[in-house]
Amino acid sequence: MRLRGLLFLAAALALTAEGCAWPEPYVYRYQEFDRAQPTFNKEPTDLKSVGICYNKKNATPERIAEMAKAECAKYGRVARYSHQRRLECPLTTPMEAVYLCDAQQGLSQWPLSGSPLPR
C-alpha cells in the first residue's frame, strides 16, 4: 500500500513539474478574451504599440525585440523600445516589454523633432 502511494505521488509530481515549465514569450493583447469588446476575436486594423510578455529565465532581449519588430511590421511600422512593466501579464510571464510601433521613416506624416516644417 505504501509503494502505491509513493508511485501516485511521484506521478503527480512529474505531471505538475511538466505543467510548470516556463512559457515562451508572447504578444500581449489587452482584453483579447473579453467577449463584450467590439474587437473580440478580430485582428486590429492599426497598431500604435505592442507588449511582449516574458519571463527572463527563458527569453533574451534579442528574441523579444524580434517579436515586437515582426508584430509592428504586420502594419507597416517599425518597433521602438519604450519601457517595461511588471505584473501586467500572468505570473508565469510577469514582465512586459512595451514597444511603440512608429511609422516608417519615409512614410511619416510628421517631421522629426528639430526638422523644419514643409512649406
PDB file of N, CA and C in Angstrom:
ATOM      1  N   MET A   1       0.828  -1.187   0.000  1.00  0.00           N
ATOM      2  CA  MET A   1       0.000   0.000   0.000  1.00  0.00           C
ATOM      3  C   MET A   1       0.875   1.254   0.000  1.00  0.00           C
ATOM      4  N   ARG A   2       1.938   1.223   0.762  1.00  0.00           N
ATOM      5  CA  ARG A   2       2.825   2.382   0.842  1.00  0.00           C
ATOM      6  C   ARG A   2       3.501   2.633  -0.508  1.00  0.00           C
ATOM      7  N   LEU A   3       3.868   1.566  -1.219  1.00  0.00           N
ATOM      8  CA  LEU A   3       4.500   1.703  -2.528  1.00  0.00           C
ATOM      9  C   LEU A   3       3.538   2.345  -3.527  1.00  0.00           C
ATOM     10  N   ARG A   4       2.273   1.967  -3.465  1.00  0.00           N
ATOM     11  CA  ARG A   4       1.260   2.540  -4.354  1.00  0.00           C
ATOM     12  C   ARG A   4       1.128   4.048  -4.102  1.00  0.00           C
ATOM     13  N   GLY A   5       1.150   4.453  -2.849  1.00  0.00           N
ATOM     14  CA  GLY A   5       1.066   5.881  -2.505  1.00  0.00           C
ATOM     15  C   GLY A   5       2.274   6.655  -3.022  1.00  0.00           C
ATOM     16  N   LEU A   6       3.458   6.048  -2.892  1.00  0.00           N
ATOM     17  CA  LEU A   6       4.673   6.713  -3.389  1.00  0.00           C
ATOM     18  C   LEU A   6       4.656   6.826  -4.911  1.00  0.00           C
ATOM     19  N   LEU A   7       4.188   5.787  -5.590  1.00  0.00           N
ATOM     20  CA  LEU A   7       4.082   5.844  -7.049  1.00  0.00           C
ATOM     21  C   LEU A   7       3.093   6.919  -7.491  1.00  0.00           C
ATOM     22  N   PHE A   8       1.971   7.020  -6.795  1.00  0.00           N
ATOM     23  CA  PHE A   8       0.985   8.051  -7.105  1.00  0.00           C
ATOM     24  C   PHE A   8       1.578   9.440  -6.896  1.00  0.00           C
ATOM     25  N   LEU A   9       2.294   9.627  -5.802  1.00  0.00           N
ATOM     26  CA  LEU A   9       2.924  10.915  -5.507  1.00  0.00           C
ATOM     27  C   LEU A   9       3.978  11.258  -6.557  1.00  0.00           C
ATOM     28  N   ALA A  10       4.783  10.288  -6.969  1.00  0.00           N
ATOM     29  CA  ALA A  10       5.797  10.528  -7.993  1.00  0.00           C
ATOM     30  C   ALA A  10       5.146  10.912  -9.319  1.00  0.00           C
ATOM     31  N   ALA A  11       4.066  10.226  -9.683  1.00  0.00           N
ATOM     32  CA  ALA A  11       3.368  10.551 -10.934  1.00  0.00           C
ATOM     33  C   ALA A  11       2.761  11.946 -10.872  1.00  0.00           C
ATOM     34  N   ALA A  12       2.170  12.298  -9.741  1.00  0.00           N
ATOM     35  CA  ALA A  12       1.574  13.629  -9.586  1.00  0.00           C
ATOM     36  C   ALA A  12       2.640  14.717  -9.667  1.00  0.00           C
ATOM     37  N   LEU A  13       3.789  14.502  -9.041  1.00  0.00           N
ATOM     38  CA  LEU A  13       4.873  15.484  -9.096  1.00  0.00           C
ATOM     39  C   LEU A  13       5.418  15.640 -10.510  1.00  0.00           C
ATOM     40  N   ALA A  14       5.532  14.534 -11.232  1.00  0.00           N
ATOM     41  CA  ALA A  14       6.033  14.597 -12.617  1.00  0.00           C
ATOM     42  C   ALA A  14       5.077  15.391 -13.495  1.00  0.00           C
ATOM     43  N   LEU A  15       3.781  15.153 -13.352  1.00  0.00           N
ATOM     44  CA  LEU A  15       2.799  15.892 -14.147  1.00  0.00           C
ATOM     45  C   LEU A  15       2.773  17.365 -13.768  1.00  0.00           C
ATOM     46  N   THR A  16       2.910  17.663 -12.491  1.00  0.00           N
ATOM     47  CA  THR A  16       2.929  19.050 -12.034  1.00  0.00           C
ATOM     48  C   THR A  16       4.160  19.769 -12.539  1.00  0.00           C
ATOM     49  N   ALA A  17       5.298  19.130 -12.482  1.00  0.00           N
ATOM     50  CA  ALA A  17       6.537  19.756 -12.951  1.00  0.00           C
ATOM     51  C   ALA A  17       6.472  20.030 -14.451  1.00  0.00           C
ATOM     52  N   GLU A  18       5.860  19.150 -15.204  1.00  0.00           N
ATOM     53  CA  GLU A  18       5.719  19.362 -16.649  1.00  0.00           C
ATOM     54  C   GLU A  18       4.858  20.580 -16.937  1.00  0.00           C
ATOM     55  N   GLY A  19       3.819  20.785 -16.169  1.00  0.00           N
ATOM     56  CA  GLY A  19       2.930  21.928 -16.362  1.00  0.00           C
ATOM     57  C   GLY A  19       3.525  23.232 -15.898  1.00  0.00           C
ATOM     58  N   CYS A  20       4.611  23.190 -15.147  1.00  0.00           N
ATOM     59  CA  CYS A  20       5.215  24.400 -14.612  1.00  0.00           C
ATOM     60  C   CYS A  20       6.414  24.873 -15.416  1.00  0.00           C
ATOM     61  N   ALA A  21       6.613  24.357 -16.603  1.00  0.00           N
ATOM     62  CA  ALA A  21       7.714  24.834 -17.436  1.00  0.00           C
ATOM     63  C   ALA A  21       7.455  26.294 -17.788  1.00  0.00           C
ATOM     64  N   TRP A  22       8.525  27.058 -17.926  1.00  0.00           N
ATOM     65  CA  TRP A  22       8.362  28.485 -18.221  1.00  0.00           C
ATOM     66  C   TRP A  22       7.770  28.654 -19.613  1.00  0.00           C
ATOM     67  N   PRO A  23       6.687  29.416 -19.734  1.00  0.00           N
ATOM     68  CA  PRO A  23       6.084  29.607 -21.057  1.00  0.00           C
ATOM     69  C   PRO A  23       6.962  30.482 -21.948  1.00  0.00           C
ATOM     70  N   GLU A  24       6.787  30.310 -23.232  1.00  0.00           N
ATOM     71  CA  GLU A  24       7.521  31.107 -24.204  1.00  0.00           C
ATOM     72  C   GLU A  24       6.975  32.541 -24.202  1.00  0.00           C
ATOM     73  N   PRO A  25       7.782  33.520 -24.590  1.00  0.00           N
ATOM     74  CA  PRO A  25       7.273  34.894 -24.713  1.00  0.00           C
ATOM     75  C   PRO A  25       6.144  34.957 -25.749  1.00  0.00           C
ATOM     76  N   TYR A  26       5.235  35.896 -25.550  1.00  0.00           N
ATOM     77  CA  TYR A  26       4.116  36.024 -26.480  1.00  0.00           C
ATOM     78  C   TYR A  26       3.654  37.472 -26.548  1.00  0.00           C
ATOM     79  N   VAL A  27       2.921  37.797 -27.622  1.00  0.00           N
ATOM     80  CA  VAL A  27       2.362  39.136 -27.798  1.00  0.00           C
ATOM     81  C   VAL A  27       1.139  39.254 -26.893  1.00  0.00           C
ATOM     82  N   TYR A  28       1.128  40.292 -26.073  1.00  0.00           N
ATOM     83  CA  TYR A  28       0.034  40.526 -25.136  1.00  0.00           C
ATOM     84  C   TYR A  28      -0.980  41.474 -25.768  1.00  0.00           C
ATOM     85  N   ARG A  29      -2.215  41.053 -25.805  1.00  0.00           N
ATOM     86  CA  ARG A  29      -3.291  41.902 -26.328  1.00  0.00           C
ATOM     87  C   ARG A  29      -4.280  42.146 -25.194  1.00  0.00           C
ATOM     88  N   TYR A  30      -4.361  43.375 -24.746  1.00  0.00           N
ATOM     89  CA  TYR A  30      -5.242  43.757 -23.651  1.00  0.00           C
ATOM     90  C   TYR A  30      -6.691  43.422 -24.007  1.00  0.00           C
ATOM     91  N   GLN A  31      -7.382  42.759 -23.119  1.00  0.00           N
ATOM     92  CA  GLN A  31      -8.789  42.368 -23.248  1.00  0.00           C
ATOM     93  C   GLN A  31      -9.040  41.485 -24.477  1.00  0.00           C
ATOM     94  N   GLU A  32      -8.048  40.695 -24.850  1.00  0.00           N
ATOM     95  CA  GLU A  32      -8.177  39.819 -26.016  1.00  0.00           C
ATOM     96  C   GLU A  32      -9.322  38.819 -25.868  1.00  0.00           C
ATOM     97  N   PHE A  33      -9.570  38.361 -24.665  1.00  0.00           N
ATOM     98  CA  PHE A  33     -10.581  37.328 -24.451  1.00  0.00           C
ATOM     99  C   PHE A  33     -11.872  37.866 -23.844  1.00  0.00           C
ATOM    100  N   ASP A  34     -12.033  39.182 -23.818  1.00  0.00           N
ATOM    101  CA  ASP A  34     -13.243  39.805 -23.292  1.00  0.00           C
ATOM    102  C   ASP A  34     -14.299  39.842 -24.398  1.00  0.00           C
ATOM    103  N   ARG A  35     -15.270  38.965 -24.316  1.00  0.00           N
ATOM    104  CA  ARG A  35     -16.281  38.842 -25.373  1.00  0.00           C
ATOM    105  C   ARG A  35     -17.169  40.080 -25.493  1.00  0.00           C
ATOM    106  N   ALA A  36     -17.183  40.931 -24.488  1.00  0.00           N
ATOM    107  CA  ALA A  36     -18.007  42.138 -24.544  1.00  0.00           C
ATOM    108  C   ALA A  36     -17.359  43.237 -25.401  1.00  0.00           C
ATOM    109  N   GLN A  37     -16.088  43.088 -25.718  1.00  0.00           N
ATOM    110  CA  GLN A  37     -15.382  44.098 -26.513  1.00  0.00           C
ATOM    111  C   GLN A  37     -15.749  43.968 -27.995  1.00  0.00           C
ATOM    112  N   PRO A  38     -15.913  45.093 -28.680  1.00  0.00           N
ATOM    113  CA  PRO A  38     -16.214  45.011 -30.121  1.00  0.00           C
ATOM    114  C   PRO A  38     -15.046  44.450 -30.934  1.00  0.00           C
ATOM    115  N   THR A  39     -13.855  44.463 -30.368  1.00  0.00           N
ATOM    116  CA  THR A  39     -12.673  43.954 -31.071  1.00  0.00           C
ATOM    117  C   THR A  39     -12.410  42.475 -30.772  1.00  0.00           C
ATOM    118  N   PHE A  40     -13.320  41.825 -30.046  1.00  0.00           N
ATOM    119  CA  PHE A  40     -13.124  40.426 -29.679  1.00  0.00           C
ATOM    120  C   PHE A  40     -12.927  39.563 -30.915  1.00  0.00           C
ATOM    121  N   ASN A  41     -11.868  38.763 -30.912  1.00  0.00           N
ATOM    122  CA  ASN A  41     -11.562  37.790 -31.958  1.00  0.00           C
ATOM    123  C   ASN A  41     -11.347  38.440 -33.335  1.00  0.00           C
ATOM    124  N   LYS A  42     -10.873  39.697 -33.337  1.00  0.00           N
ATOM    125  CA  LYS A  42     -10.599  40.395 -34.590  1.00  0.00           C
ATOM    126  C   LYS A  42      -9.171  40.929 -34.552  1.00  0.00           C
ATOM    127  N   GLU A  43      -8.510  40.878 -35.693  1.00  0.00           N
ATOM    128  CA  GLU A  43      -7.179  41.478 -35.800  1.00  0.00           C
ATOM    129  C   GLU A  43      -7.332  42.991 -35.805  1.00  0.00           C
ATOM    130  N   PRO A  44      -6.471  43.712 -35.102  1.00  0.00           N
ATOM    131  CA  PRO A  44      -6.547  45.173 -35.149  1.00  0.00           C
ATOM    132  C   PRO A  44      -6.243  45.689 -36.555  1.00  0.00           C
ATOM    133  N   THR A  45      -6.832  46.830 -36.908  1.00  0.00           N
ATOM    134  CA  THR A  45      -6.569  47.411 -38.214  1.00  0.00           C
ATOM    135  C   THR A  45      -5.311  48.266 -38.194  1.00  0.00           C
ATOM    136  N   ASP A  46      -4.905  48.717 -37.016  1.00  0.00           N
ATOM    137  CA  ASP A  46      -3.691  49.507 -36.862  1.00  0.00           C
ATOM    138  C   ASP A  46      -3.113  49.199 -35.484  1.00  0.00           C
ATOM    139  N   LEU A  47      -1.843  49.463 -35.309  1.00  0.00           N
ATOM    140  CA  LEU A  47      -1.186  49.149 -34.045  1.00  0.00           C
ATOM    141  C   LEU A  47      -0.255  50.293 -33.659  1.00  0.00           C
ATOM    142  N   LYS A  48      -0.514  50.913 -32.531  1.00  0.00           N
ATOM    143  CA  LYS A  48       0.333  52.015 -32.044  1.00  0.00           C
ATOM    144  C   LYS A  48       1.446  51.502 -31.138  1.00  0.00           C
ATOM    145  N   SER A  49       1.161  50.405 -30.418  1.00  0.00           N
ATOM    146  CA  SER A  49       2.172  49.822 -29.536  1.00  0.00           C
ATOM    147  C   SER A  49       1.913  48.329 -29.403  1.00  0.00           C
ATOM    148  N   VAL A  50       2.949  47.618 -28.962  1.00  0.00           N
ATOM    149  CA  VAL A  50       2.835  46.178 -28.771  1.00  0.00           C
ATOM    150  C   VAL A  50       3.541  45.819 -27.464  1.00  0.00           C
ATOM    151  N   GLY A  51       2.932  44.911 -26.715  1.00  0.00           N
ATOM    152  CA  GLY A  51       3.532  44.417 -25.486  1.00  0.00           C
ATOM    153  C   GLY A  51       3.913  42.953 -25.652  1.00  0.00           C
ATOM    154  N   ILE A  52       5.088  42.606 -25.186  1.00  0.00           N
ATOM    155  CA  ILE A  52       5.560  41.225 -25.231  1.00  0.00           C
ATOM    156  C   ILE A  52       5.705  40.750 -23.789  1.00  0.00           C
ATOM    157  N   CYS A  53       4.913  39.751 -23.404  1.00  0.00           N
ATOM    158  CA  CYS A  53       5.015  39.179 -22.061  1.00  0.00           C
ATOM    159  C   CYS A  53       6.092  38.103 -22.075  1.00  0.00           C
ATOM    160  N   TYR A  54       6.915  38.098 -21.029  1.00  0.00           N
ATOM    161  CA  TYR A  54       8.007  37.131 -20.998  1.00  0.00           C
ATOM    162  C   TYR A  54       8.453  36.871 -19.572  1.00  0.00           C
ATOM    163  N   ASN A  55       9.232  35.825 -19.432  1.00  0.00           N
ATOM    164  CA  ASN A  55       9.894  35.501 -18.181  1.00  0.00           C
ATOM    165  C   ASN A  55      11.388  35.526 -18.476  1.00  0.00           C
ATOM    166  N   LYS A  56      12.142  36.262 -17.712  1.00  0.00           N
ATOM    167  CA  LYS A  56      13.562  36.426 -18.047  1.00  0.00           C
ATOM    168  C   LYS A  56      14.379  35.152 -17.900  1.00  0.00           C
ATOM    169  N   LYS A  57      13.785  34.096 -17.376  1.00  0.00           N
ATOM    170  CA  LYS A  57      14.507  32.825 -17.270  1.00  0.00           C
ATOM    171  C   LYS A  57      14.660  32.132 -18.624  1.00  0.00           C
ATOM    172  N   ASN A  58      13.763  32.433 -19.577  1.00  0.00           N
ATOM    173  CA  ASN A  58      13.861  31.734 -20.860  1.00  0.00           C
ATOM    174  C   ASN A  58      13.704  32.658 -22.071  1.00  0.00           C
ATOM    175  N   ALA A  59      13.894  33.952 -21.895  1.00  0.00           N
ATOM    176  CA  ALA A  59      13.757  34.881 -23.017  1.00  0.00           C
ATOM    177  C   ALA A  59      14.974  35.789 -23.088  1.00  0.00           C
ATOM    178  N   THR A  60      15.394  36.088 -24.290  1.00  0.00           N
ATOM    179  CA  THR A  60      16.514  37.008 -24.476  1.00  0.00           C
ATOM    180  C   THR A  60      15.971  38.335 -25.010  1.00  0.00           C
ATOM    181  N   PRO A  61      16.671  39.428 -24.744  1.00  0.00           N
ATOM    182  CA  PRO A  61      16.235  40.718 -25.283  1.00  0.00           C
ATOM    183  C   PRO A  61      16.132  40.704 -26.810  1.00  0.00           C
ATOM    184  N   GLU A  62      17.030  39.979 -27.453  1.00  0.00           N
ATOM    185  CA  GLU A  62      17.010  39.903 -28.916  1.00  0.00           C
ATOM    186  C   GLU A  62      15.731  39.237 -29.422  1.00  0.00           C
ATOM    187  N   ARG A  63      15.338  38.175 -28.753  1.00  0.00           N
ATOM    188  CA  ARG A  63      14.121  37.461 -29.166  1.00  0.00           C
ATOM    189  C   ARG A  63      12.883  38.324 -28.964  1.00  0.00           C
ATOM    190  N   ILE A  64      12.826  39.028 -27.847  1.00  0.00           N
ATOM    191  CA  ILE A  64      11.687  39.900 -27.560  1.00  0.00           C
ATOM    192  C   ILE A  64      11.623  41.030 -28.586  1.00  0.00           C
ATOM    193  N   ALA A  65      12.767  41.616 -28.907  1.00  0.00           N
ATOM    194  CA  ALA A  65      12.815  42.691 -29.903  1.00  0.00           C
ATOM    195  C   ALA A  65      12.378  42.191 -31.275  1.00  0.00           C
ATOM    196  N   GLU A  66      12.777  40.978 -31.636  1.00  0.00           N
ATOM    197  CA  GLU A  66      12.376  40.407 -32.927  1.00  0.00           C
ATOM    198  C   GLU A  66      10.862  40.185 -32.982  1.00  0.00           C
ATOM    199  N   MET A  67      10.282  39.739 -31.878  1.00  0.00           N
ATOM    200  CA  MET A  67       8.837  39.538 -31.835  1.00  0.00           C
ATOM    201  C   MET A  67       8.101  40.857 -32.023  1.00  0.00           C
ATOM    202  N   ALA A  68       8.572  41.904 -31.345  1.00  0.00           N
ATOM    203  CA  ALA A  68       7.951  43.225 -31.477  1.00  0.00           C
ATOM    204  C   ALA A  68       8.121  43.750 -32.898  1.00  0.00           C
ATOM    205  N   LYS A  69       9.305  43.561 -33.453  1.00  0.00           N
ATOM    206  CA  LYS A  69       9.581  44.007 -34.822  1.00  0.00           C
ATOM    207  C   LYS A  69       8.631  43.323 -35.804  1.00  0.00           C
ATOM    208  N   ALA A  70       8.438  42.029 -35.661  1.00  0.00           N
ATOM    209  CA  ALA A  70       7.554  41.278 -36.556  1.00  0.00           C
ATOM    210  C   ALA A  70       6.103  41.728 -36.407  1.00  0.00           C
ATOM    211  N   GLU A  71       5.673  41.983 -35.181  1.00  0.00           N
ATOM    212  CA  GLU A  71       4.283  42.392 -34.953  1.00  0.00           C
ATOM    213  C   GLU A  71       4.019  43.776 -35.543  1.00  0.00           C
ATOM    214  N   CYS A  72       4.932  44.717 -35.339  1.00  0.00           N
ATOM    215  CA  CYS A  72       4.761  46.065 -35.903  1.00  0.00           C
ATOM    216  C   CYS A  72       4.844  46.032 -37.428  1.00  0.00           C
ATOM    217  N   ALA A  73       5.684  45.165 -37.968  1.00  0.00           N
ATOM    218  CA  ALA A  73       5.852  45.069 -39.425  1.00  0.00           C
ATOM    219  C   ALA A  73       4.568  44.626 -40.115  1.00  0.00           C
ATOM    220  N   LYS A  74       3.703  43.895 -39.419  1.00  0.00           N
ATOM    221  CA  LYS A  74       2.419  43.484 -39.994  1.00  0.00           C
ATOM    222  C   LYS A  74       1.587  44.694 -40.407  1.00  0.00           C
ATOM    223  N   TYR A  75       1.844  45.844 -39.764  1.00  0.00           N
ATOM    224  CA  TYR A  75       1.075  47.058 -40.010  1.00  0.00           C
ATOM    225  C   TYR A  75       1.910  48.125 -40.713  1.00  0.00           C
ATOM    226  N   GLY A  76       3.046  47.706 -41.276  1.00  0.00           N
ATOM    227  CA  GLY A  76       3.900  48.637 -41.997  1.00  0.00           C
ATOM    228  C   GLY A  76       4.606  49.629 -41.086  1.00  0.00           C
ATOM    229  N   ARG A  77       4.877  49.220 -39.868  1.00  0.00           N
ATOM    230  CA  ARG A  77       5.503  50.105 -38.884  1.00  0.00           C
ATOM    231  C   ARG A  77       6.804  49.489 -38.380  1.00  0.00           C
ATOM    232  N   VAL A  78       7.588  50.293 -37.689  1.00  0.00           N
ATOM    233  CA  VAL A  78       8.841  49.815 -37.108  1.00  0.00           C
ATOM    234  C   VAL A  78       8.739  49.906 -35.590  1.00  0.00           C
ATOM    235  N   ALA A  79       9.318  48.918 -34.917  1.00  0.00           N
ATOM    236  CA  ALA A  79       9.246  48.843 -33.456  1.00  0.00           C
ATOM    237  C   ALA A  79      10.351  49.683 -32.826  1.00  0.00           C
ATOM    238  N   ARG A  80       9.976  50.409 -31.766  1.00  0.00           N
ATOM    239  CA  ARG A  80      10.937  51.200 -30.983  1.00  0.00           C
ATOM    240  C   ARG A  80      10.653  50.927 -29.510  1.00  0.00           C
ATOM    241  N   TYR A  81      11.672  50.462 -28.786  1.00  0.00           N
ATOM    242  CA  TYR A  81      11.501  50.132 -27.368  1.00  0.00           C
ATOM    243  C   TYR A  81      11.036  51.362 -26.597  1.00  0.00           C
ATOM    244  N   SER A  82      10.058  51.167 -25.713  1.00  0.00           N
ATOM    245  CA  SER A  82       9.546  52.261 -24.893  1.00  0.00           C
ATOM    246  C   SER A  82       9.859  52.060 -23.414  1.00  0.00           C
ATOM    247  N   HIS A  83       9.335  50.972 -22.825  1.00  0.00           N
ATOM    248  CA  HIS A  83       9.524  50.748 -21.391  1.00  0.00           C
ATOM    249  C   HIS A  83       9.135  49.318 -21.018  1.00  0.00           C
ATOM    250  N   GLN A  84       9.337  49.003 -19.757  1.00  0.00           N
ATOM    251  CA  GLN A  84       8.944  47.709 -19.191  1.00  0.00           C
ATOM    252  C   GLN A  84       7.904  47.922 -18.115  1.00  0.00           C
ATOM    253  N   ARG A  85       7.065  46.915 -17.935  1.00  0.00           N
ATOM    254  CA  ARG A  85       6.094  46.916 -16.841  1.00  0.00           C
ATOM    255  C   ARG A  85       6.137  45.560 -16.164  1.00  0.00           C
ATOM    256  N   ARG A  86       5.822  45.560 -14.894  1.00  0.00           N
ATOM    257  CA  ARG A  86       5.739  44.304 -14.139  1.00  0.00           C
ATOM    258  C   ARG A  86       4.303  44.023 -13.768  1.00  0.00           C
ATOM    259  N   LEU A  87       3.973  42.746 -13.790  1.00  0.00           N
ATOM    260  CA  LEU A  87       2.695  42.219 -13.316  1.00  0.00           C
ATOM    261  C   LEU A  87       1.483  42.696 -14.103  1.00  0.00           C
ATOM    262  N   GLU A  88       1.661  43.108 -15.338  1.00  0.00           N
ATOM    263  CA  GLU A  88       0.538  43.340 -16.238  1.00  0.00           C
ATOM    264  C   GLU A  88       0.158  42.022 -16.905  1.00  0.00           C
ATOM    265  N   CYS A  89       1.113  41.136 -17.013  1.00  0.00           N
ATOM    266  CA  CYS A  89       0.936  39.823 -17.635  1.00  0.00           C
ATOM    267  C   CYS A  89       0.732  38.775 -16.536  1.00  0.00           C
ATOM    268  N   PRO A  90       0.375  37.546 -16.891  1.00  0.00           N
ATOM    269  CA  PRO A  90       0.227  36.495 -15.876  1.00  0.00           C
ATOM    270  C   PRO A  90       1.515  36.252 -15.081  1.00  0.00           C
ATOM    271  N   LEU A  91       1.393  35.632 -13.933  1.00  0.00           N
ATOM    272  CA  LEU A  91       2.530  35.436 -13.029  1.00  0.00           C
ATOM    273  C   LEU A  91       3.656  34.600 -13.613  1.00  0.00           C
ATOM    274  N   THR A  92       3.361  33.693 -14.547  1.00  0.00           N
ATOM    275  CA  THR A  92       4.428  32.886 -15.129  1.00  0.00           C
ATOM    276  C   THR A  92       5.245  33.674 -16.143  1.00  0.00           C
ATOM    277  N   THR A  93       4.700  34.791 -16.615  1.00  0.00           N
ATOM    278  CA  THR A  93       5.421  35.710 -17.508  1.00  0.00           C
ATOM    279  C   THR A  93       5.203  37.125 -16.972  1.00  0.00           C
ATOM    280  N   PRO A  94       5.813  37.461 -15.839  1.00  0.00           N
ATOM    281  CA  PRO A  94       5.449  38.691 -15.140  1.00  0.00           C
ATOM    282  C   PRO A  94       5.955  39.988 -15.768  1.00  0.00           C
ATOM    283  N   MET A  95       6.858  39.904 -16.719  1.00  0.00           N
ATOM    284  CA  MET A  95       7.422  41.110 -17.320  1.00  0.00           C
ATOM    285  C   MET A  95       6.766  41.391 -18.669  1.00  0.00           C
ATOM    286  N   GLU A  96       6.575  42.673 -18.950  1.00  0.00           N
ATOM    287  CA  GLU A  96       6.067  43.078 -20.256  1.00  0.00           C
ATOM    288  C   GLU A  96       6.992  44.140 -20.826  1.00  0.00           C
ATOM    289  N   ALA A  97       7.520  43.877 -22.001  1.00  0.00           N
ATOM    290  CA  ALA A  97       8.317  44.866 -22.727  1.00  0.00           C
ATOM    291  C   ALA A  97       7.372  45.566 -23.688  1.00  0.00           C
ATOM    292  N   VAL A  98       7.311  46.890 -23.596  1.00  0.00           N
ATOM    293  CA  VAL A  98       6.398  47.668 -24.430  1.00  0.00           C
ATOM    294  C   VAL A  98       7.204  48.364 -25.522  1.00  0.00           C
ATOM    295  N   TYR A  99       6.771  48.179 -26.750  1.00  0.00           N
ATOM    296  CA  TYR A  99       7.391  48.812 -27.915  1.00  0.00           C
ATOM    297  C   TYR A  99       6.356  49.691 -28.596  1.00  0.00           C
ATOM    298  N   LEU A 100       6.773  50.856 -29.041  1.00  0.00           N
ATOM    299  CA  LEU A 100       5.920  51.706 -29.850  1.00  0.00           C
ATOM    300  C   LEU A 100       6.086  51.301 -31.306  1.00  0.00           C
ATOM    301  N   CYS A 101       4.995  51.270 -32.031  1.00  0.00           N
ATOM    302  CA  CYS A 101       5.047  50.957 -33.458  1.00  0.00           C
ATOM    303  C   CYS A 101       4.982  52.276 -34.218  1.00  0.00           C
ATOM    304  N   ASP A 102       6.138  52.765 -34.633  1.00  0.00           N
ATOM    305  CA  ASP A 102       6.247  54.045 -35.320  1.00  0.00           C
ATOM    306  C   ASP A 102       6.078  53.874 -36.817  1.00  0.00           C
ATOM    307  N   ALA A 103       5.603  54.947 -37.461  1.00  0.00           N
ATOM    308  CA  ALA A 103       5.536  54.943 -38.922  1.00  0.00           C
ATOM    309  C   ALA A 103       6.958  54.858 -39.457  1.00  0.00           C
ATOM    310  N   GLN A 104       7.114  54.197 -40.582  1.00  0.00           N
ATOM    311  CA  GLN A 104       8.442  54.093 -41.180  1.00  0.00           C
ATOM    312  C   GLN A 104       8.938  55.483 -41.548  1.00  0.00           C
ATOM    313  N   GLN A 105      10.238  55.667 -41.474  1.00  0.00           N
ATOM    314  CA  GLN A 105      10.850  56.982 -41.638  1.00  0.00           C
ATOM    315  C   GLN A 105      10.354  57.725 -42.877  1.00  0.00           C
ATOM    316  N   GLY A 106      10.328  57.090 -44.023  1.00  0.00           N
ATOM    317  CA  GLY A 106       9.932  57.760 -45.248  1.00  0.00           C
ATOM    318  C   GLY A 106       8.435  57.966 -45.381  1.00  0.00           C
ATOM    319  N   LEU A 107       7.639  57.297 -44.510  1.00  0.00           N
ATOM    320  CA  LEU A 107       6.188  57.362 -44.634  1.00  0.00           C
ATOM    321  C   LEU A 107       5.530  58.223 -43.567  1.00  0.00           C
ATOM    322  N   SER A 108       6.304  58.785 -42.662  1.00  0.00           N
ATOM    323  CA  SER A 108       5.739  59.560 -41.566  1.00  0.00           C
ATOM    324  C   SER A 108       5.083  60.832 -42.075  1.00  0.00           C
ATOM    325  N   GLN A 109       3.951  61.181 -41.509  1.00  0.00           N
ATOM    326  CA  GLN A 109       3.273  62.420 -41.863  1.00  0.00           C
ATOM    327  C   GLN A 109       3.833  63.598 -41.065  1.00  0.00           C
ATOM    328  N   TRP A 110       4.539  63.321 -39.997  1.00  0.00           N
ATOM    329  CA  TRP A 110       5.038  64.373 -39.127  1.00  0.00           C
ATOM    330  C   TRP A 110       6.555  64.421 -39.178  1.00  0.00           C
ATOM    331  N   PRO A 111       7.125  65.607 -39.180  1.00  0.00           N
ATOM    332  CA  PRO A 111       8.587  65.702 -39.187  1.00  0.00           C
ATOM    333  C   PRO A 111       9.163  65.282 -37.844  1.00  0.00           C
ATOM    334  N   LEU A 112      10.399  64.849 -37.868  1.00  0.00           N
ATOM    335  CA  LEU A 112      11.094  64.540 -36.629  1.00  0.00           C
ATOM    336  C   LEU A 112      11.347  65.832 -35.871  1.00  0.00           C
ATOM    337  N   SER A 113      11.512  65.754 -34.562  1.00  0.00           N
ATOM    338  CA  SER A 113      11.752  66.970 -33.792  1.00  0.00           C
ATOM    339  C   SER A 113      13.034  67.640 -34.298  1.00  0.00           C
ATOM    340  N   GLY A 114      12.974  68.931 -34.454  1.00  0.00           N
ATOM    341  CA  GLY A 114      14.112  69.674 -34.947  1.00  0.00           C
ATOM    342  C   GLY A 114      14.106  69.815 -36.464  1.00  0.00           C
ATOM    343  N   SER A 115      13.242  69.085 -37.150  1.00  0.00           N
ATOM    344  CA  SER A 115      13.155  69.203 -38.610  1.00  0.00           C
ATOM    345  C   SER A 115      12.240  70.387 -38.958  1.00  0.00           C
ATOM    346  N   PRO A 116      12.580  71.121 -39.993  1.00  0.00           N
ATOM    347  CA  PRO A 116      11.700  72.236 -40.366  1.00  0.00           C
ATOM    348  C   PRO A 116      10.398  71.709 -40.958  1.00  0.00           C
ATOM    349  N   LEU A 117       9.335  72.459 -40.766  1.00  0.00           N
ATOM    350  CA  LEU A 117       8.055  72.075 -41.337  1.00  0.00           C
ATOM    351  C   LEU A 117       8.069  72.337 -42.828  1.00  0.00           C
ATOM    352  N   PRO A 118       7.396  71.498 -43.618  1.00  0.00           N
ATOM    353  CA  PRO A 118       7.350  71.730 -45.054  1.00  0.00           C
ATOM    354  C   PRO A 118       6.536  72.983 -45.366  1.00  0.00           C
ATOM    355  N   ARG A 119       6.872  73.659 -46.445  1.00  0.00           N
ATOM    356  CA  ARG A 119       6.139  74.886 -46.839  1.00  0.00           C
ATOM    357  C   ARG A 119       5.218  74.598 -47.965  1.00  0.00           C
TER     358      ARG A 119
END
